Protein backbone atom coordinates (compact mmCIF):
# COMPACT_ATOMS: atom_id res chain seq x y z
CA MET A 1 -11.28 -54.17 58.96
CA SER A 2 -8.18 -52.58 57.03
CA ALA A 3 -7.96 -49.09 56.17
CA SER A 4 -8.52 -47.96 52.65
CA PRO A 5 -5.44 -47.36 50.66
CA ALA A 6 -4.16 -43.96 50.81
CA VAL A 7 -4.47 -41.72 47.89
CA ALA A 8 -0.87 -40.82 46.36
CA SER A 9 -0.04 -37.36 47.10
CA GLY A 10 0.77 -36.56 43.45
CA SER A 11 -2.52 -37.91 42.07
CA PRO A 12 -5.42 -35.88 40.96
CA GLY A 13 -7.48 -36.58 43.86
CA ALA A 14 -4.92 -35.88 46.57
CA ASP A 15 -6.62 -32.54 47.61
CA GLY A 16 -10.09 -33.36 46.71
CA PRO A 17 -12.23 -34.48 43.93
CA VAL A 18 -11.25 -33.43 40.38
CA ARG A 19 -13.49 -30.54 38.94
CA PRO A 20 -15.67 -31.80 35.86
CA GLY A 21 -14.01 -30.61 32.76
CA ALA A 22 -10.90 -29.54 34.13
CA PRO A 23 -7.79 -29.74 31.97
CA VAL A 24 -5.53 -32.94 32.59
CA GLY A 25 -2.06 -32.05 33.96
CA ASP A 26 -0.48 -29.91 36.54
CA PRO A 27 -1.19 -26.26 36.89
CA PRO A 28 1.63 -23.80 36.79
CA ALA A 29 3.68 -23.58 39.74
CA ALA A 30 2.66 -20.96 42.46
CA HIS A 31 6.20 -19.72 42.39
CA ASP A 32 6.25 -19.08 38.70
CA PRO A 33 7.73 -15.47 38.33
CA ILE A 34 5.30 -14.61 35.63
CA GLU A 35 2.19 -15.57 37.68
CA ARG A 36 3.57 -14.08 40.91
CA SER A 37 4.44 -10.80 39.17
CA GLU A 38 0.89 -10.52 37.71
CA GLY A 39 -0.78 -11.60 40.92
CA ARG A 40 -2.55 -14.45 39.29
CA ASP A 41 -4.14 -17.58 41.07
CA PRO A 42 -2.59 -20.87 39.99
CA LEU A 43 -6.07 -22.54 40.43
CA ALA A 44 -7.43 -19.82 37.82
CA TRP A 45 -5.71 -21.93 35.18
CA TYR A 46 -8.14 -24.84 35.76
CA GLU A 47 -11.03 -22.60 35.48
CA ARG A 48 -10.03 -21.05 31.99
CA GLY A 49 -8.27 -24.04 30.56
CA PRO A 50 -5.36 -23.98 28.19
CA SER A 51 -7.88 -23.50 25.15
CA GLN A 52 -9.16 -20.16 26.73
CA ALA A 53 -5.70 -19.00 27.55
CA GLY A 54 -4.56 -19.62 23.84
CA GLY A 55 -7.58 -17.84 22.38
CA ARG A 56 -7.18 -14.80 24.69
CA ASP A 57 -3.26 -14.56 23.40
CA VAL A 58 -4.76 -14.75 19.79
CA ALA A 59 -7.47 -12.22 20.47
CA GLU A 60 -4.59 -9.73 21.99
CA ARG A 61 -2.35 -10.29 18.92
CA ARG A 62 -5.05 -9.48 16.45
CA ALA A 63 -6.00 -6.39 18.49
CA ARG A 64 -2.30 -5.27 18.45
CA ALA A 65 -1.98 -6.03 14.74
CA SER A 66 -5.25 -3.99 14.04
CA GLN A 67 -3.92 -1.19 16.22
CA SER A 68 -0.70 -1.15 14.16
CA PHE A 69 -2.48 -1.34 10.90
CA TRP A 70 -4.68 1.61 11.26
CA THR A 71 -2.05 3.76 12.96
CA ALA A 72 0.04 3.20 10.00
CA LEU A 73 -2.87 3.92 7.55
CA VAL A 74 -3.57 7.16 9.21
CA ALA A 75 -0.22 8.16 10.25
CA VAL A 76 1.51 7.63 6.87
CA PRO A 77 -0.34 10.26 4.80
CA ALA A 78 -0.21 12.93 7.67
CA LEU A 79 3.70 12.56 7.80
CA PHE A 80 4.20 12.51 4.21
CA SER A 81 2.04 15.87 3.76
CA VAL A 82 4.19 17.47 6.31
CA LEU A 83 7.50 16.32 4.78
CA ARG A 84 6.26 17.60 1.45
CA LEU A 85 5.77 21.15 2.73
CA GLY A 86 9.28 21.02 4.12
CA VAL A 87 10.73 19.85 0.95
CA GLU A 88 8.85 22.18 -1.28
CA ALA A 89 10.00 24.98 1.22
CA GLY A 90 13.71 24.17 0.47
CA GLY A 91 14.15 23.31 4.11
CA GLU A 92 13.78 27.11 5.22
CA LEU A 93 11.66 27.37 8.42
CA GLN A 94 9.96 30.58 7.50
CA THR A 95 9.12 29.44 4.01
CA THR A 96 7.65 26.34 5.43
CA LEU A 97 5.51 28.36 7.85
CA LEU A 98 4.48 30.53 5.00
CA LEU A 99 3.19 27.40 3.32
CA VAL A 100 1.83 25.98 6.14
CA ALA A 101 -0.42 29.48 6.70
CA ASN A 102 -1.54 29.46 3.18
CA VAL A 103 -2.01 25.72 2.10
CA GLY A 104 -5.36 24.67 3.79
CA PRO A 105 -5.63 20.88 5.06
CA VAL A 106 -8.13 20.22 2.24
CA ASN A 107 -5.90 21.19 -0.40
CA LEU A 108 -2.77 19.46 1.23
CA LEU A 109 -5.08 16.35 1.40
CA ALA A 110 -6.29 16.61 -2.06
CA GLY A 111 -2.71 17.03 -3.29
CA PHE A 112 -1.68 13.86 -1.17
CA LEU A 113 -4.41 11.80 -2.85
CA THR A 114 -3.87 12.74 -6.52
CA THR A 115 -0.18 12.24 -6.22
CA ALA A 116 0.40 9.58 -3.52
CA ALA A 117 -2.88 7.28 -4.12
CA ARG A 118 -0.55 5.20 -6.27
CA LEU A 119 1.91 4.75 -3.44
CA LEU A 120 -0.71 4.05 -0.93
CA SER A 121 -2.63 1.49 -3.15
CA THR A 122 0.67 -0.23 -4.11
CA GLY A 123 1.65 -0.64 -0.37
CA LEU A 124 -1.88 -2.14 0.48
CA VAL A 125 -2.02 -4.49 -2.45
CA ALA A 126 1.49 -5.80 -1.87
CA ILE A 127 0.54 -6.58 2.04
CA PHE A 128 -2.74 -8.14 1.22
CA ALA A 129 -1.06 -10.30 -1.53
CA LEU A 130 1.94 -11.23 0.48
CA GLY A 131 0.09 -11.73 3.76
CA ALA A 132 -2.50 -14.32 2.06
CA VAL A 133 0.18 -16.26 0.48
CA LEU A 134 2.24 -16.52 3.64
CA GLY A 135 -1.07 -17.21 5.55
CA ALA A 136 -1.81 -20.06 3.58
CA ALA A 137 1.49 -21.58 3.90
CA VAL A 138 1.63 -21.03 7.73
CA ASP A 139 -1.61 -23.11 8.08
CA ARG A 140 0.10 -26.25 6.75
CA LEU A 141 2.86 -25.85 9.50
CA PRO A 142 2.67 -27.84 12.75
CA PRO A 143 0.56 -26.11 15.48
CA HIS A 144 3.63 -25.24 17.87
CA THR A 145 5.60 -23.34 14.80
CA ARG A 146 2.48 -21.49 13.60
CA ARG A 147 3.79 -17.73 14.47
CA ARG A 148 1.97 -15.71 11.94
CA PRO A 149 4.01 -13.23 9.95
CA LEU A 150 3.05 -9.24 10.37
CA PHE A 151 1.60 -9.15 6.78
CA THR A 152 -0.40 -12.22 7.54
CA ARG A 153 -1.89 -10.62 10.73
CA TRP A 154 -2.64 -7.41 9.00
CA ALA A 155 -4.39 -9.19 5.97
CA GLU A 156 -6.51 -11.26 8.29
CA ILE A 157 -7.81 -8.37 10.47
CA THR A 158 -8.64 -6.26 7.47
CA PRO A 159 -12.21 -6.12 6.24
CA ALA A 160 -13.00 -7.60 2.73
CA TRP A 161 -14.36 -4.41 1.51
CA LEU A 162 -11.00 -2.54 2.21
CA VAL A 163 -9.18 -5.14 0.49
CA VAL A 164 -11.31 -4.66 -2.75
CA ALA A 165 -11.35 -0.86 -2.31
CA SER A 166 -7.48 -1.15 -2.27
CA PHE A 167 -7.43 -3.06 -5.63
CA LEU A 168 -10.06 -0.67 -7.16
CA LEU A 169 -8.01 2.28 -6.08
CA ALA A 170 -5.04 0.62 -7.77
CA LEU A 171 -6.95 -0.14 -10.77
CA VAL A 172 -7.93 3.46 -11.48
CA THR A 173 -4.62 5.32 -10.39
CA TRP A 174 -1.81 2.72 -11.63
CA PRO A 175 -0.24 3.49 -14.90
CA LEU A 176 -1.83 0.98 -17.75
CA LEU A 177 1.77 -0.45 -18.04
CA TYR A 178 1.61 -2.07 -14.48
CA LEU A 179 -1.99 -2.86 -14.24
CA PRO A 180 -1.16 -6.62 -15.47
CA LEU A 181 0.54 -6.97 -12.05
CA LEU A 182 -2.92 -6.87 -10.40
CA ILE A 183 -3.93 -10.08 -11.87
CA PRO A 184 -1.34 -12.14 -9.73
CA ALA A 185 -1.82 -9.93 -6.75
CA PHE A 186 -5.76 -10.39 -6.74
CA VAL A 187 -5.30 -14.25 -7.14
CA ALA A 188 -2.71 -14.30 -4.24
CA ALA A 189 -4.82 -12.13 -1.81
CA PHE A 190 -7.96 -14.14 -2.44
CA GLN A 191 -6.25 -17.53 -2.86
CA LEU A 192 -7.75 -18.40 -6.11
CA SER A 193 -6.57 -21.06 -8.39
CA PRO A 194 -7.68 -22.59 -11.72
CA ARG A 195 -9.34 -25.56 -9.87
CA GLN A 196 -12.21 -23.38 -8.72
CA LEU A 197 -13.06 -22.66 -12.28
CA HIS A 198 -14.64 -26.09 -12.92
CA ASP A 199 -14.40 -29.61 -11.50
CA ARG A 200 -13.31 -31.41 -14.74
CA VAL A 201 -9.89 -30.79 -15.87
CA SER A 202 -10.61 -30.42 -19.57
CA ALA A 203 -13.23 -27.61 -19.02
CA ARG A 204 -10.75 -26.04 -16.64
CA VAL A 205 -7.88 -26.06 -19.21
CA LEU A 206 -10.65 -24.75 -21.92
CA LEU A 207 -11.72 -21.75 -19.70
CA VAL A 208 -8.10 -20.86 -18.75
CA ALA A 209 -7.14 -20.89 -22.48
CA VAL A 210 -10.12 -18.78 -23.42
CA LEU A 211 -9.17 -16.13 -20.74
CA LEU A 212 -5.51 -15.87 -21.72
CA GLY A 213 -6.54 -15.84 -25.44
CA ALA A 214 -8.85 -12.78 -24.71
CA TYR A 215 -6.14 -11.18 -22.84
CA ALA A 216 -3.66 -11.81 -25.75
CA TRP A 217 -6.09 -10.34 -28.28
CA LEU A 218 -6.81 -7.16 -26.28
CA LEU A 219 -3.18 -6.48 -25.91
CA LEU A 220 -1.94 -7.80 -29.24
CA PRO A 221 -1.43 -4.24 -31.07
CA THR A 222 0.61 -3.06 -27.97
CA LEU A 223 2.64 -6.18 -27.76
CA ARG A 224 3.59 -5.76 -31.29
CA ASP A 225 4.57 -2.48 -30.96
CA ALA A 226 6.64 -2.92 -27.71
CA ALA A 227 8.45 -5.83 -29.89
CA ARG A 228 9.12 -3.64 -32.58
CA GLN A 229 10.55 -0.78 -30.58
CA GLY A 230 12.57 -3.18 -28.37
CA GLU A 231 10.66 -2.58 -25.20
CA VAL A 232 11.75 -5.61 -23.39
CA LEU A 233 10.43 -4.32 -19.93
CA ALA A 234 7.06 -3.31 -21.34
CA LEU A 235 6.70 -6.95 -22.81
CA VAL A 236 7.51 -8.52 -19.64
CA LEU A 237 5.08 -6.34 -17.68
CA LEU A 238 2.38 -6.93 -20.09
CA ALA A 239 2.70 -10.69 -20.95
CA ALA A 240 4.06 -12.36 -17.87
CA PRO A 241 1.54 -11.69 -15.14
CA PRO A 242 -1.37 -13.48 -16.41
CA VAL A 243 0.75 -16.57 -16.73
CA LEU A 244 2.17 -16.18 -13.08
CA ALA A 245 -1.15 -16.09 -11.89
CA LEU A 246 -1.91 -19.40 -12.88
CA GLY A 247 0.44 -20.85 -10.05
CA ILE A 248 0.73 -18.09 -7.33
CA SER A 249 -1.98 -19.38 -4.90
CA GLY A 250 -1.49 -22.32 -2.54
CA PRO A 251 1.01 -23.04 0.33
CA LEU A 252 4.55 -22.34 0.07
CA PRO A 253 7.19 -24.94 1.20
CA GLY A 254 7.44 -24.71 5.18
CA ALA A 255 11.21 -24.23 5.13
CA VAL A 256 11.20 -20.89 3.10
CA ILE A 257 8.22 -19.45 5.15
CA ARG A 258 10.07 -17.78 7.84
CA PRO A 259 13.03 -16.13 5.58
CA LEU A 260 10.51 -15.10 2.88
CA ALA A 261 8.36 -13.29 5.51
CA SER A 262 11.28 -11.37 6.77
CA VAL A 263 12.72 -10.51 3.31
CA THR A 264 9.36 -9.50 2.02
CA GLU A 265 8.59 -7.29 4.74
CA VAL A 266 12.02 -5.47 4.58
CA ALA A 267 11.46 -5.45 0.63
CA VAL A 268 8.07 -4.09 0.79
CA LEU A 269 9.22 -1.38 3.20
CA ALA A 270 12.34 -0.44 1.11
CA MET A 271 10.13 -0.23 -2.05
CA LEU A 272 7.88 2.15 -0.29
CA VAL A 273 10.55 4.25 0.91
CA TRP A 274 12.15 4.26 -2.65
CA ALA A 275 8.76 5.29 -4.25
CA ALA A 276 7.93 7.97 -1.51
CA LEU A 277 10.91 10.02 -2.38
CA PRO A 278 9.43 11.22 -5.50
CA VAL A 279 6.07 11.77 -3.98
CA ILE A 280 7.57 13.68 -1.02
CA SER A 281 9.60 15.96 -3.59
CA THR A 282 6.35 16.54 -5.82
CA PRO A 283 5.06 20.08 -5.47
CA VAL A 284 1.89 20.76 -3.71
CA LEU A 285 1.14 23.86 -5.67
CA PRO A 286 0.88 24.01 -9.51
CA LEU A 287 3.87 25.37 -11.66
CA THR A 288 3.26 28.40 -13.37
CA VAL A 289 5.33 30.98 -15.19
CA THR A 290 4.25 34.54 -14.58
CA THR A 291 5.18 37.46 -16.91
CA VAL A 292 6.16 40.44 -14.90
CA GLY A 293 6.91 44.04 -16.16
CA ALA A 294 5.53 47.59 -16.60
CA GLU A 295 3.29 48.41 -19.51
CA THR A 296 5.89 50.15 -21.48
CA GLY A 297 8.99 48.40 -20.15
CA PRO A 298 10.68 45.17 -20.59
CA THR A 299 9.04 41.90 -19.01
CA GLU A 300 10.39 38.99 -16.98
CA ASP A 301 9.35 35.55 -16.69
CA VAL A 302 9.07 34.33 -13.12
CA ARG A 303 8.86 30.44 -12.84
CA GLY A 304 7.55 29.12 -9.65
CA HIS A 305 4.60 28.23 -7.65
CA VAL A 306 1.91 30.84 -6.47
CA VAL A 307 1.41 30.67 -2.91
CA THR A 308 -1.09 33.28 -2.36
CA THR A 309 -2.57 36.57 -3.97
CA ASP A 310 -4.00 39.58 -2.28
CA ASP A 311 -4.64 43.24 -3.24
CA VAL A 312 -1.20 43.95 -3.18
CA ASN A 313 1.26 41.43 -4.08
CA MET A 314 1.32 37.91 -5.50
CA VAL A 315 3.49 35.51 -3.56
CA ILE A 316 5.64 33.07 -5.76
CA LEU A 317 7.55 30.28 -4.57
CA GLN A 318 10.44 30.42 -6.99
CA GLU A 319 11.44 27.08 -8.62
CA GLN A 320 15.09 27.79 -8.06
CA GLY A 321 14.46 28.63 -4.38
CA GLY A 322 13.30 31.74 -2.55
CA VAL A 323 9.94 33.69 -1.97
CA ARG A 324 9.34 36.69 -4.37
CA TYR A 325 6.71 39.27 -3.79
CA VAL A 326 5.36 40.62 -7.13
CA PRO A 327 3.07 43.75 -7.17
CA VAL A 328 -0.37 42.90 -8.76
CA GLY A 329 -0.16 45.87 -10.82
CA LEU A 330 2.99 44.40 -12.55
CA VAL A 331 1.59 41.18 -13.66
CA ARG A 332 1.09 40.79 -17.28
CA ALA A 333 0.29 37.17 -18.00
CA GLN A 334 0.29 33.49 -16.38
CA VAL A 335 0.65 30.26 -17.87
CA LEU A 336 0.29 26.66 -16.26
CA CYS A 337 3.08 24.40 -17.32
CA PRO A 338 3.49 20.48 -16.75
CA SER A 339 6.15 19.08 -14.69
CA GLU A 340 8.95 16.96 -15.89
CA GLN A 341 7.19 13.76 -14.27
CA GLU A 342 4.39 14.25 -16.72
CA LEU A 343 6.27 14.18 -19.88
CA PRO A 344 5.91 10.78 -21.77
CA ARG A 345 8.78 8.22 -21.90
CA HIS A 346 7.29 5.55 -23.96
CA ARG A 347 5.57 5.34 -27.19
CA LEU A 348 3.02 2.72 -26.57
CA ARG A 349 -0.89 2.88 -26.40
CA ILE A 350 -3.56 0.36 -25.27
CA HIS A 351 -6.51 1.36 -27.25
CA ASP A 352 -5.97 4.98 -27.62
CA PHE A 353 -4.76 5.17 -23.86
CA HIS A 354 -1.04 5.93 -23.35
CA VAL A 355 0.55 3.26 -21.15
CA GLU A 356 1.97 5.71 -18.70
CA ASP A 357 -1.47 7.27 -18.07
CA SER A 358 -3.74 5.68 -15.58
CA LEU A 359 -7.50 5.18 -16.34
CA LEU A 360 -8.57 8.36 -14.64
CA GLU A 361 -5.81 10.29 -16.57
CA GLY A 362 -6.45 8.65 -19.89
CA MET A 363 -10.48 9.45 -19.52
CA GLY A 364 -9.38 13.12 -18.32
CA ARG A 365 -7.43 13.39 -21.38
CA ARG A 366 -10.22 12.19 -23.57
CA VAL A 367 -12.60 15.09 -22.00
CA ARG A 368 -9.80 17.76 -22.24
CA PRO A 369 -7.09 16.84 -24.81
CA ILE A 370 -3.72 18.07 -24.06
CA HIS A 371 -2.91 21.58 -25.39
CA ARG A 372 0.46 22.47 -26.77
CA ILE A 373 3.11 23.51 -24.21
CA ASP A 374 3.41 27.09 -23.93
CA ALA A 375 6.97 28.62 -25.18
CA ALA A 376 7.34 30.21 -21.68
CA CYS A 377 7.37 26.75 -20.14
CA ARG A 378 10.27 25.56 -22.20
């Protein structure tokens, strides 16, 4: 009898039977520098298969994205709080140490939340909206080109409750003038479309018309006042967002995804830096005018921020710089003054709410109406 044909050395059965379920194809070469440097067995490639390796890479990327997201969420407020103290102290080390010693962490956190909540919610809303839009576009690309942008990875690892909480925070802290922008942002973040309203086109068009009509009826007096006063920016901010929301969801063309991802990430970062400058320069302490003088002599108004008060002195960080120690016995009166940022710039209202007030501020002004500004504050 003749011998059986020899098995080709390059065939799968050259070194023995093929393992059931093993991936077809040659394993990575044993002399691969990556495998050698990490001490991996090339045969282990057969055990895990390419799908398991790809799943592990995805899990690692998601873990890194999660770490970077939560690090930024915690580190940014802490950094802003420290920078605010340094800016308010005028860059002087001793004054900064004085503020650090007398402004507690609770007061610092409360001051940050009341002044920077808008900035924080703006950044989160922008990340979630852009991340969802870019993610829907990346899913339509060929598998070998699906490298997900940073905002998309952040949006995917964020729990749904945090996304909703970010929009609720923006709803109560944004000025009413910018609230309509939340409509297209919410539609983009959750990838909503008019087709989800109803299966029939006629019913869908009717529902969209009713929603737009109700929105126009709600803002009609304000839109008329804005047109009469020539407030073009206010007209655009109030009227355009609902129309934009009708077509903002859905995938983008594949050719613009990569450039758009890079541009939007840089743009959001630049916007946050630009918006952070006034937040960093906003005082942590309230602005007051303290009347100082003897009972029978002339008096002086000291404008600044009260740092601390004890049995001997009242320490005032003056508005023009420097720290002043005023004996408690010489203090005759003290009034609280609004800052320049709180003065209104528009003469528009939405149902008795000023367009520059947030919902929280508007409800607060109804409970405690604004009193007249004291003459000492002018």
